[in-house]
PDB file of N, CA and C in Angstrom:
ATOM      1  N   MET A   1     -52.302 -76.933  33.204  1.00  0.00           N
ATOM      2  CA  MET A   1     -53.140 -76.225  34.139  1.00  0.00           C
ATOM      3  C   MET A   1     -53.224 -74.757  33.701  1.00  0.00           C
ATOM      4  N   THR A   2     -54.382 -74.347  33.259  1.00  0.00           N
ATOM      5  CA  THR A   2     -54.572 -72.982  32.802  1.00  0.00           C
ATOM      6  C   THR A   2     -55.029 -72.107  33.959  1.00  0.00           C
ATOM      7  N   ILE A   3     -54.353 -70.979  34.142  1.00  0.00           N
ATOM      8  CA  ILE A   3     -54.710 -70.038  35.192  1.00  0.00           C
ATOM      9  C   ILE A   3     -55.468 -68.892  34.541  1.00  0.00           C
ATOM     10  N   ASP A   4     -56.600 -68.528  35.124  1.00  0.00           N
ATOM     11  CA  ASP A   4     -57.406 -67.446  34.566  1.00  0.00           C
ATOM     12  C   ASP A   4     -56.967 -66.125  35.181  1.00  0.00           C
ATOM     13  N   ILE A   5     -56.148 -65.390  34.441  1.00  0.00           N
ATOM     14  CA  ILE A   5     -55.643 -64.100  34.887  1.00  0.00           C
ATOM     15  C   ILE A   5     -56.271 -63.038  33.998  1.00  0.00           C
ATOM     16  N   PRO A   6     -56.848 -61.989  34.583  1.00  0.00           N
ATOM     17  CA  PRO A   6     -57.492 -60.962  33.757  1.00  0.00           C
ATOM     18  C   PRO A   6     -56.484 -60.270  32.832  1.00  0.00           C
ATOM     19  N   LYS A   7     -56.950 -59.957  31.622  1.00  0.00           N
ATOM     20  CA  LYS A   7     -56.092 -59.274  30.655  1.00  0.00           C
ATOM     21  C   LYS A   7     -55.737 -57.881  31.164  1.00  0.00           C
ATOM     22  N   PRO A   8     -54.543 -57.412  30.830  1.00  0.00           N
ATOM     23  CA  PRO A   8     -54.131 -56.072  31.286  1.00  0.00           C
ATOM     24  C   PRO A   8     -54.886 -54.976  30.538  1.00  0.00           C
ATOM     25  N   ASP A   9     -54.997 -53.823  31.165  1.00  0.00           N
ATOM     26  CA  ASP A   9     -55.595 -52.652  30.515  1.00  0.00           C
ATOM     27  C   ASP A   9     -54.543 -52.036  29.604  1.00  0.00           C
ATOM     28  N   ILE A  10     -54.928 -51.858  28.353  1.00  0.00           N
ATOM     29  CA  ILE A  10     -54.014 -51.306  27.365  1.00  0.00           C
ATOM     30  C   ILE A  10     -54.438 -49.876  27.055  1.00  0.00           C
ATOM     31  N   SER A  11     -53.468 -48.964  27.024  1.00  0.00           N
ATOM     32  CA  SER A  11     -53.782 -47.558  26.750  1.00  0.00           C
ATOM     33  C   SER A  11     -54.129 -47.381  25.274  1.00  0.00           C
ATOM     34  N   PRO A  12     -54.899 -46.364  24.936  1.00  0.00           N
ATOM     35  CA  PRO A  12     -55.271 -46.134  23.537  1.00  0.00           C
ATOM     36  C   PRO A  12     -54.061 -45.804  22.654  1.00  0.00           C
ATOM     37  N   ASN A  13     -52.971 -45.337  23.257  1.00  0.00           N
ATOM     38  CA  ASN A  13     -51.778 -44.969  22.484  1.00  0.00           C
ATOM     39  C   ASN A  13     -50.793 -46.116  22.320  1.00  0.00           C
ATOM     40  N   PHE A  14     -51.028 -47.239  22.981  1.00  0.00           N
ATOM     41  CA  PHE A  14     -50.190 -48.436  22.944  1.00  0.00           C
ATOM     42  C   PHE A  14     -48.713 -48.079  23.113  1.00  0.00           C
ATOM     43  N   THR A  15     -48.315 -47.984  24.367  1.00  0.00           N
ATOM     44  CA  THR A  15     -46.956 -47.586  24.720  1.00  0.00           C
ATOM     45  C   THR A  15     -46.092 -48.806  25.030  1.00  0.00           C
ATOM     46  N   ILE A  16     -44.827 -48.558  25.294  1.00  0.00           N
ATOM     47  CA  ILE A  16     -43.906 -49.624  25.680  1.00  0.00           C
ATOM     48  C   ILE A  16     -44.359 -50.276  26.984  1.00  0.00           C
ATOM     49  N   ASP A  17     -44.981 -49.485  27.866  1.00  0.00           N
ATOM     50  CA  ASP A  17     -45.507 -50.043  29.120  1.00  0.00           C
ATOM     51  C   ASP A  17     -46.589 -51.078  28.839  1.00  0.00           C
ATOM     52  N   ASP A  18     -47.382 -50.847  27.795  1.00  0.00           N
ATOM     53  CA  ASP A  18     -48.409 -51.816  27.424  1.00  0.00           C
ATOM     54  C   ASP A  18     -47.775 -53.131  26.974  1.00  0.00           C
ATOM     55  N   ILE A  19     -46.690 -53.036  26.239  1.00  0.00           N
ATOM     56  CA  ILE A  19     -45.983 -54.246  25.803  1.00  0.00           C
ATOM     57  C   ILE A  19     -45.473 -55.008  27.013  1.00  0.00           C
ATOM     58  N   HIS A  20     -44.926 -54.284  27.999  1.00  0.00           N
ATOM     59  CA  HIS A  20     -44.452 -54.934  29.224  1.00  0.00           C
ATOM     60  C   HIS A  20     -45.606 -55.604  29.968  1.00  0.00           C
ATOM     61  N   LYS A  21     -46.750 -54.933  30.028  1.00  0.00           N
ATOM     62  CA  LYS A  21     -47.923 -55.512  30.694  1.00  0.00           C
ATOM     63  C   LYS A  21     -48.362 -56.808  30.009  1.00  0.00           C
ATOM     64  N   ILE A  22     -48.373 -56.794  28.683  1.00  0.00           N
ATOM     65  CA  ILE A  22     -48.801 -57.976  27.924  1.00  0.00           C
ATOM     66  C   ILE A  22     -47.823 -59.125  28.139  1.00  0.00           C
ATOM     67  N   ARG A  23     -46.532 -58.834  28.087  1.00  0.00           N
ATOM     68  CA  ARG A  23     -45.531 -59.886  28.306  1.00  0.00           C
ATOM     69  C   ARG A  23     -45.634 -60.475  29.709  1.00  0.00           C
ATOM     70  N   GLU A  24     -45.825 -59.595  30.688  1.00  0.00           N
ATOM     71  CA  GLU A  24     -45.977 -60.035  32.077  1.00  0.00           C
ATOM     72  C   GLU A  24     -47.218 -60.906  32.225  1.00  0.00           C
ATOM     73  N   TRP A  25     -48.314 -60.491  31.590  1.00  0.00           N
ATOM     74  CA  TRP A  25     -49.563 -61.240  31.629  1.00  0.00           C
ATOM     75  C   TRP A  25     -49.375 -62.628  31.025  1.00  0.00           C
ATOM     76  N   HIS A  26     -48.716 -62.692  29.871  1.00  0.00           N
ATOM     77  CA  HIS A  26     -48.464 -63.997  29.233  1.00  0.00           C
ATOM     78  C   HIS A  26     -47.610 -64.884  30.128  1.00  0.00           C
ATOM     79  N   HIS A  27     -46.602 -64.303  30.735  1.00  0.00           N
ATOM     80  CA  HIS A  27     -45.723 -65.077  31.611  1.00  0.00           C
ATOM     81  C   HIS A  27     -46.517 -65.667  32.783  1.00  0.00           C
ATOM     82  N   GLU A  28     -47.301 -64.828  33.440  1.00  0.00           N
ATOM     83  CA  GLU A  28     -48.087 -65.295  34.586  1.00  0.00           C
ATOM     84  C   GLU A  28     -49.114 -66.344  34.159  1.00  0.00           C
ATOM     85  N   LYS A  29     -49.712 -66.118  32.990  1.00  0.00           N
ATOM     86  CA  LYS A  29     -50.744 -67.027  32.490  1.00  0.00           C
ATOM     87  C   LYS A  29     -50.159 -68.401  32.169  1.00  0.00           C
ATOM     88  N   GLN A  30     -48.946 -68.427  31.637  1.00  0.00           N
ATOM     89  CA  GLN A  30     -48.352 -69.685  31.191  1.00  0.00           C
ATOM     90  C   GLN A  30     -47.374 -70.294  32.198  1.00  0.00           C
ATOM     91  N   LYS A  31     -47.254 -69.683  33.358  1.00  0.00           N
ATOM     92  CA  LYS A  31     -46.261 -70.102  34.347  1.00  0.00           C
ATOM     93  C   LYS A  31     -46.336 -71.590  34.697  1.00  0.00           C
ATOM     94  N   GLY A  32     -47.516 -72.104  35.004  1.00  0.00           N
ATOM     95  CA  GLY A  32     -47.634 -73.493  35.437  1.00  0.00           C
ATOM     96  C   GLY A  32     -48.034 -74.459  34.329  1.00  0.00           C
ATOM     97  N   MET A  33     -48.031 -74.024  33.084  1.00  0.00           N
ATOM     98  CA  MET A  33     -48.492 -74.855  31.971  1.00  0.00           C
ATOM     99  C   MET A  33     -47.397 -75.793  31.474  1.00  0.00           C
ATOM    100  N   THR A  34     -47.829 -76.917  30.953  1.00  0.00           N
ATOM    101  CA  THR A  34     -46.908 -77.814  30.269  1.00  0.00           C
ATOM    102  C   THR A  34     -46.680 -77.265  28.865  1.00  0.00           C
ATOM    103  N   THR A  35     -45.713 -77.825  28.157  1.00  0.00           N
ATOM    104  CA  THR A  35     -45.436 -77.375  26.789  1.00  0.00           C
ATOM    105  C   THR A  35     -46.658 -77.564  25.903  1.00  0.00           C
ATOM    106  N   ALA A  36     -47.348 -78.694  26.051  1.00  0.00           N
ATOM    107  CA  ALA A  36     -48.541 -78.955  25.241  1.00  0.00           C
ATOM    108  C   ALA A  36     -49.639 -77.921  25.525  1.00  0.00           C
ATOM    109  N   GLU A  37     -49.796 -77.551  26.795  1.00  0.00           N
ATOM    110  CA  GLU A  37     -50.801 -76.553  27.162  1.00  0.00           C
ATOM    111  C   GLU A  37     -50.437 -75.174  26.599  1.00  0.00           C
ATOM    112  N   ILE A  38     -49.153 -74.843  26.606  1.00  0.00           N
ATOM    113  CA  ILE A  38     -48.715 -73.556  26.048  1.00  0.00           C
ATOM    114  C   ILE A  38     -49.003 -73.513  24.553  1.00  0.00           C
ATOM    115  N   VAL A  39     -48.680 -74.595  23.851  1.00  0.00           N
ATOM    116  CA  VAL A  39     -48.950 -74.661  22.407  1.00  0.00           C
ATOM    117  C   VAL A  39     -50.442 -74.536  22.139  1.00  0.00           C
ATOM    118  N   GLU A  40     -51.252 -75.225  22.926  1.00  0.00           N
ATOM    119  CA  GLU A  40     -52.712 -75.149  22.776  1.00  0.00           C
ATOM    120  C   GLU A  40     -53.207 -73.714  23.019  1.00  0.00           C
ATOM    121  N   ASP A  41     -52.661 -73.054  24.037  1.00  0.00           N
ATOM    122  CA  ASP A  41     -53.038 -71.675  24.349  1.00  0.00           C
ATOM    123  C   ASP A  41     -52.677 -70.738  23.201  1.00  0.00           C
ATOM    124  N   ILE A  42     -51.493 -70.941  22.619  1.00  0.00           N
ATOM    125  CA  ILE A  42     -51.057 -70.112  21.488  1.00  0.00           C
ATOM    126  C   ILE A  42     -51.969 -70.324  20.290  1.00  0.00           C
ATOM    127  N   HIS A  43     -52.313 -71.584  20.003  1.00  0.00           N
ATOM    128  CA  HIS A  43     -53.203 -71.879  18.875  1.00  0.00           C
ATOM    129  C   HIS A  43     -54.590 -71.270  19.087  1.00  0.00           C
ATOM    130  N   LYS A  44     -55.064 -71.301  20.325  1.00  0.00           N
ATOM    131  CA  LYS A  44     -56.369 -70.708  20.630  1.00  0.00           C
ATOM    132  C   LYS A  44     -56.337 -69.198  20.382  1.00  0.00           C
ATOM    133  N   GLY A  45     -55.286 -68.547  20.860  1.00  0.00           N
ATOM    134  CA  GLY A  45     -55.149 -67.106  20.644  1.00  0.00           C
ATOM    135  C   GLY A  45     -55.026 -66.764  19.171  1.00  0.00           C
ATOM    136  N   ALA A  46     -54.297 -67.594  18.418  1.00  0.00           N
ATOM    137  CA  ALA A  46     -54.143 -67.359  16.981  1.00  0.00           C
ATOM    138  C   ALA A  46     -55.480 -67.493  16.269  1.00  0.00           C
ATOM    139  N   SER A  47     -56.281 -68.468  16.678  1.00  0.00           N
ATOM    140  CA  SER A  47     -57.604 -68.659  16.063  1.00  0.00           C
ATOM    141  C   SER A  47     -58.503 -67.458  16.330  1.00  0.00           C
ATOM    142  N   GLU A  48     -58.460 -66.944  17.556  1.00  0.00           N
ATOM    143  CA  GLU A  48     -59.261 -65.763  17.898  1.00  0.00           C
ATOM    144  C   GLU A  48     -58.806 -64.551  17.086  1.00  0.00           C
ATOM    145  N   PHE A  49     -57.484 -64.410  16.906  1.00  0.00           N
ATOM    146  CA  PHE A  49     -56.945 -63.291  16.148  1.00  0.00           C
ATOM    147  C   PHE A  49     -57.339 -63.394  14.674  1.00  0.00           C
ATOM    148  N   GLU A  50     -57.274 -64.596  14.117  1.00  0.00           N
ATOM    149  CA  GLU A  50     -57.675 -64.801  12.719  1.00  0.00           C
ATOM    150  C   GLU A  50     -59.148 -64.460  12.527  1.00  0.00           C
ATOM    151  N   ALA A  51     -59.983 -64.790  13.521  1.00  0.00           N
ATOM    152  CA  ALA A  51     -61.406 -64.452  13.441  1.00  0.00           C
ATOM    153  C   ALA A  51     -61.592 -62.936  13.433  1.00  0.00           C
ATOM    154  N   LEU A  52     -60.797 -62.226  14.233  1.00  0.00           N
ATOM    155  CA  LEU A  52     -60.868 -60.764  14.236  1.00  0.00           C
ATOM    156  C   LEU A  52     -60.458 -60.186  12.884  1.00  0.00           C
ATOM    157  N   LEU A  53     -59.422 -60.751  12.293  1.00  0.00           N
ATOM    158  CA  LEU A  53     -58.965 -60.273  10.996  1.00  0.00           C
ATOM    159  C   LEU A  53     -59.997 -60.525   9.903  1.00  0.00           C
ATOM    160  N   ALA A  54     -60.771 -61.583  10.046  1.00  0.00           N
ATOM    161  CA  ALA A  54     -61.764 -61.925   9.034  1.00  0.00           C
ATOM    162  C   ALA A  54     -62.991 -61.021   9.079  1.00  0.00           C
ATOM    163  N   GLN A  55     -63.198 -60.324  10.201  1.00  0.00           N
ATOM    164  CA  GLN A  55     -64.363 -59.452  10.328  1.00  0.00           C
ATOM    165  C   GLN A  55     -64.202 -58.234   9.424  1.00  0.00           C
ATOM    166  N   PRO A  56     -65.327 -57.751   8.870  1.00  0.00           N
ATOM    167  CA  PRO A  56     -65.238 -56.540   8.047  1.00  0.00           C
ATOM    168  C   PRO A  56     -64.794 -55.357   8.906  1.00  0.00           C
ATOM    169  N   ARG A  57     -64.013 -54.485   8.315  1.00  0.00           N
ATOM    170  CA  ARG A  57     -63.498 -53.340   9.059  1.00  0.00           C
ATOM    171  C   ARG A  57     -64.522 -52.221   9.105  1.00  0.00           C
ATOM    172  N   ASN A  58     -64.501 -51.528  10.207  1.00  0.00           N
ATOM    173  CA  ASN A  58     -65.372 -50.379  10.395  1.00  0.00           C
ATOM    174  C   ASN A  58     -64.768 -49.195   9.634  1.00  0.00           C
ATOM    175  N   PRO A  59     -65.487 -48.639   8.653  1.00  0.00           N
ATOM    176  CA  PRO A  59     -64.931 -47.530   7.861  1.00  0.00           C
ATOM    177  C   PRO A  59     -64.549 -46.313   8.702  1.00  0.00           C
ATOM    178  N   ALA A  60     -65.285 -46.057   9.782  1.00  0.00           N
ATOM    179  CA  ALA A  60     -64.978 -44.897  10.627  1.00  0.00           C
ATOM    180  C   ALA A  60     -63.626 -45.086  11.316  1.00  0.00           C
ATOM    181  N   ILE A  61     -63.359 -46.287  11.768  1.00  0.00           N
ATOM    182  CA  ILE A  61     -62.083 -46.579  12.427  1.00  0.00           C
ATOM    183  C   ILE A  61     -60.952 -46.497  11.404  1.00  0.00           C
ATOM    184  N   LYS A  62     -61.211 -47.032  10.218  1.00  0.00           N
ATOM    185  CA  LYS A  62     -60.210 -46.999   9.162  1.00  0.00           C
ATOM    186  C   LYS A  62     -59.867 -45.548   8.799  1.00  0.00           C
ATOM    187  N   GLU A  63     -60.873 -44.683   8.704  1.00  0.00           N
ATOM    188  CA  GLU A  63     -60.656 -43.278   8.377  1.00  0.00           C
ATOM    189  C   GLU A  63     -59.873 -42.577   9.488  1.00  0.00           C
ATOM    190  N   LYS A  64     -60.208 -42.891  10.740  1.00  0.00           N
ATOM    191  CA  LYS A  64     -59.497 -42.276  11.867  1.00  0.00           C
ATOM    192  C   LYS A  64     -58.027 -42.711  11.859  1.00  0.00           C
ATOM    193  N   ALA A  65     -57.788 -43.971  11.560  1.00  0.00           N
ATOM    194  CA  ALA A  65     -56.410 -44.462  11.486  1.00  0.00           C
ATOM    195  C   ALA A  65     -55.656 -43.765  10.354  1.00  0.00           C
ATOM    196  N   ARG A  66     -56.319 -43.570   9.215  1.00  0.00           N
ATOM    197  CA  ARG A  66     -55.699 -42.888   8.090  1.00  0.00           C
ATOM    198  C   ARG A  66     -55.329 -41.454   8.484  1.00  0.00           C
ATOM    199  N   GLN A  67     -56.245 -40.785   9.204  1.00  0.00           N
ATOM    200  CA  GLN A  67     -55.993 -39.414   9.646  1.00  0.00           C
ATOM    201  C   GLN A  67     -54.803 -39.354  10.607  1.00  0.00           C
ATOM    202  N   ARG A  68     -54.718 -40.337  11.515  1.00  0.00           N
ATOM    203  CA  ARG A  68     -53.590 -40.359  12.471  1.00  0.00           C
ATOM    204  C   ARG A  68     -52.268 -40.535  11.737  1.00  0.00           C
ATOM    205  N   VAL A  69     -52.270 -41.412  10.738  1.00  0.00           N
ATOM    206  CA  VAL A  69     -51.048 -41.630   9.961  1.00  0.00           C
ATOM    207  C   VAL A  69     -50.673 -40.349   9.229  1.00  0.00           C
ATOM    208  N   GLU A  70     -51.671 -39.708   8.632  1.00  0.00           N
ATOM    209  CA  GLU A  70     -51.421 -38.454   7.905  1.00  0.00           C
ATOM    210  C   GLU A  70     -50.884 -37.374   8.841  1.00  0.00           C
ATOM    211  N   GLU A  71     -51.461 -37.283  10.057  1.00  0.00           N
ATOM    212  CA  GLU A  71     -50.977 -36.314  11.045  1.00  0.00           C
ATOM    213  C   GLU A  71     -49.536 -36.611  11.438  1.00  0.00           C
ATOM    214  N   ALA A  72     -49.239 -37.879  11.646  1.00  0.00           N
ATOM    215  CA  ALA A  72     -47.883 -38.272  12.026  1.00  0.00           C
ATOM    216  C   ALA A  72     -46.898 -37.932  10.916  1.00  0.00           C
ATOM    217  N   LEU A  73     -47.296 -38.175   9.676  1.00  0.00           N
ATOM    218  CA  LEU A  73     -46.425 -37.839   8.550  1.00  0.00           C
ATOM    219  C   LEU A  73     -46.225 -36.335   8.442  1.00  0.00           C
ATOM    220  N   THR A  74     -47.290 -35.573   8.667  1.00  0.00           N
ATOM    221  CA  THR A  74     -47.204 -34.115   8.605  1.00  0.00           C
ATOM    222  C   THR A  74     -46.243 -33.599   9.664  1.00  0.00           C
ATOM    223  N   VAL A  75     -46.367 -34.105  10.883  1.00  0.00           N
ATOM    224  CA  VAL A  75     -45.473 -33.699  11.976  1.00  0.00           C
ATOM    225  C   VAL A  75     -44.045 -34.092  11.634  1.00  0.00           C
ATOM    226  N   SER A  76     -43.879 -35.300  11.104  1.00  0.00           N
ATOM    227  CA  SER A  76     -42.548 -35.777  10.735  1.00  0.00           C
ATOM    228  C   SER A  76     -41.943 -34.897   9.646  1.00  0.00           C
ATOM    229  N   ARG A  77     -42.748 -34.577   8.628  1.00  0.00           N
ATOM    230  CA  ARG A  77     -42.258 -33.728   7.536  1.00  0.00           C
ATOM    231  C   ARG A  77     -41.904 -32.334   8.059  1.00  0.00           C
ATOM    232  N   THR A  78     -42.757 -31.809   8.948  1.00  0.00           N
ATOM    233  CA  THR A  78     -42.504 -30.487   9.521  1.00  0.00           C
ATOM    234  C   THR A  78     -41.212 -30.502  10.322  1.00  0.00           C
ATOM    235  N   THR A  79     -41.032 -31.533  11.122  1.00  0.00           N
ATOM    236  CA  THR A  79     -39.816 -31.661  11.923  1.00  0.00           C
ATOM    237  C   THR A  79     -38.596 -31.769  11.019  1.00  0.00           C
ATOM    238  N   ASP A  80     -38.702 -32.575   9.951  1.00  0.00           N
ATOM    239  CA  ASP A  80     -37.595 -32.712   9.011  1.00  0.00           C
ATOM    240  C   ASP A  80     -37.268 -31.369   8.360  1.00  0.00           C
ATOM    241  N   THR A  81     -38.296 -30.649   7.969  1.00  0.00           N
ATOM    242  CA  THR A  81     -38.106 -29.339   7.338  1.00  0.00           C
ATOM    243  C   THR A  81     -37.418 -28.372   8.301  1.00  0.00           C
ATOM    244  N   VAL A  82     -37.877 -28.340   9.537  1.00  0.00           N
ATOM    245  CA  VAL A  82     -37.266 -27.467  10.544  1.00  0.00           C
ATOM    246  C   VAL A  82     -35.806 -27.877  10.761  1.00  0.00           C
ATOM    247  N   ASN A  83     -35.540 -29.147  10.841  1.00  0.00           N
ATOM    248  CA  ASN A  83     -34.156 -29.608  11.038  1.00  0.00           C
ATOM    249  C   ASN A  83     -33.267 -29.224   9.857  1.00  0.00           C
ATOM    250  N   ILE A  84     -33.789 -29.379   8.652  1.00  0.00           N
ATOM    251  CA  ILE A  84     -33.014 -29.019   7.463  1.00  0.00           C
ATOM    252  C   ILE A  84     -32.736 -27.530   7.446  1.00  0.00           C
ATOM    253  N   LEU A  85     -33.795 -26.722   7.674  1.00  0.00           N
ATOM    254  CA  LEU A  85     -33.615 -25.266   7.675  1.00  0.00           C
ATOM    255  C   LEU A  85     -32.668 -24.818   8.784  1.00  0.00           C
ATOM    256  N   THR A  86     -32.751 -25.459   9.942  1.00  0.00           N
ATOM    257  CA  THR A  86     -31.864 -25.118  11.050  1.00  0.00           C
ATOM    258  C   THR A  86     -30.419 -25.432  10.684  1.00  0.00           C
ATOM    259  N   SER A  87     -30.208 -26.587  10.056  1.00  0.00           N
ATOM    260  CA  SER A  87     -28.829 -26.960   9.698  1.00  0.00           C
ATOM    261  C   SER A  87     -28.281 -26.050   8.597  1.00  0.00           C
ATOM    262  N   ILE A  88     -29.154 -25.614   7.674  1.00  0.00           N
ATOM    263  CA  ILE A  88     -28.720 -24.709   6.601  1.00  0.00           C
ATOM    264  C   ILE A  88     -28.362 -23.349   7.177  1.00  0.00           C
ATOM    265  N   CYS A  89     -29.173 -22.892   8.127  1.00  0.00           N
ATOM    266  CA  CYS A  89     -28.973 -21.544   8.702  1.00  0.00           C
ATOM    267  C   CYS A  89     -27.844 -21.497   9.713  1.00  0.00           C
ATOM    268  N   SER A  90     -27.399 -22.644  10.178  1.00  0.00           N
ATOM    269  CA  SER A  90     -26.345 -22.680  11.205  1.00  0.00           C
ATOM    270  C   SER A  90     -24.982 -22.449  10.614  1.00  0.00           C
TER     271      SER A  90
END
């Protein structure tokens, strides 16, 4: 018996709260299912995910993701540098 529960709203930053929302959603969705129904639901979700992976990527999104990674690395490097200099000066 499949229950139609709306998907949770996920924040653009994908936080730990989003993971909790997704887990809660899966639990509620699969609560009354038999093992066979759960397996079928998982296979359906996997097929949808594979279809998404097969789609060509949007270059603008890819560039934005690259920039975010670069920014994160820059912040990380800056933080590491500050920590090193602080420990040397202490």
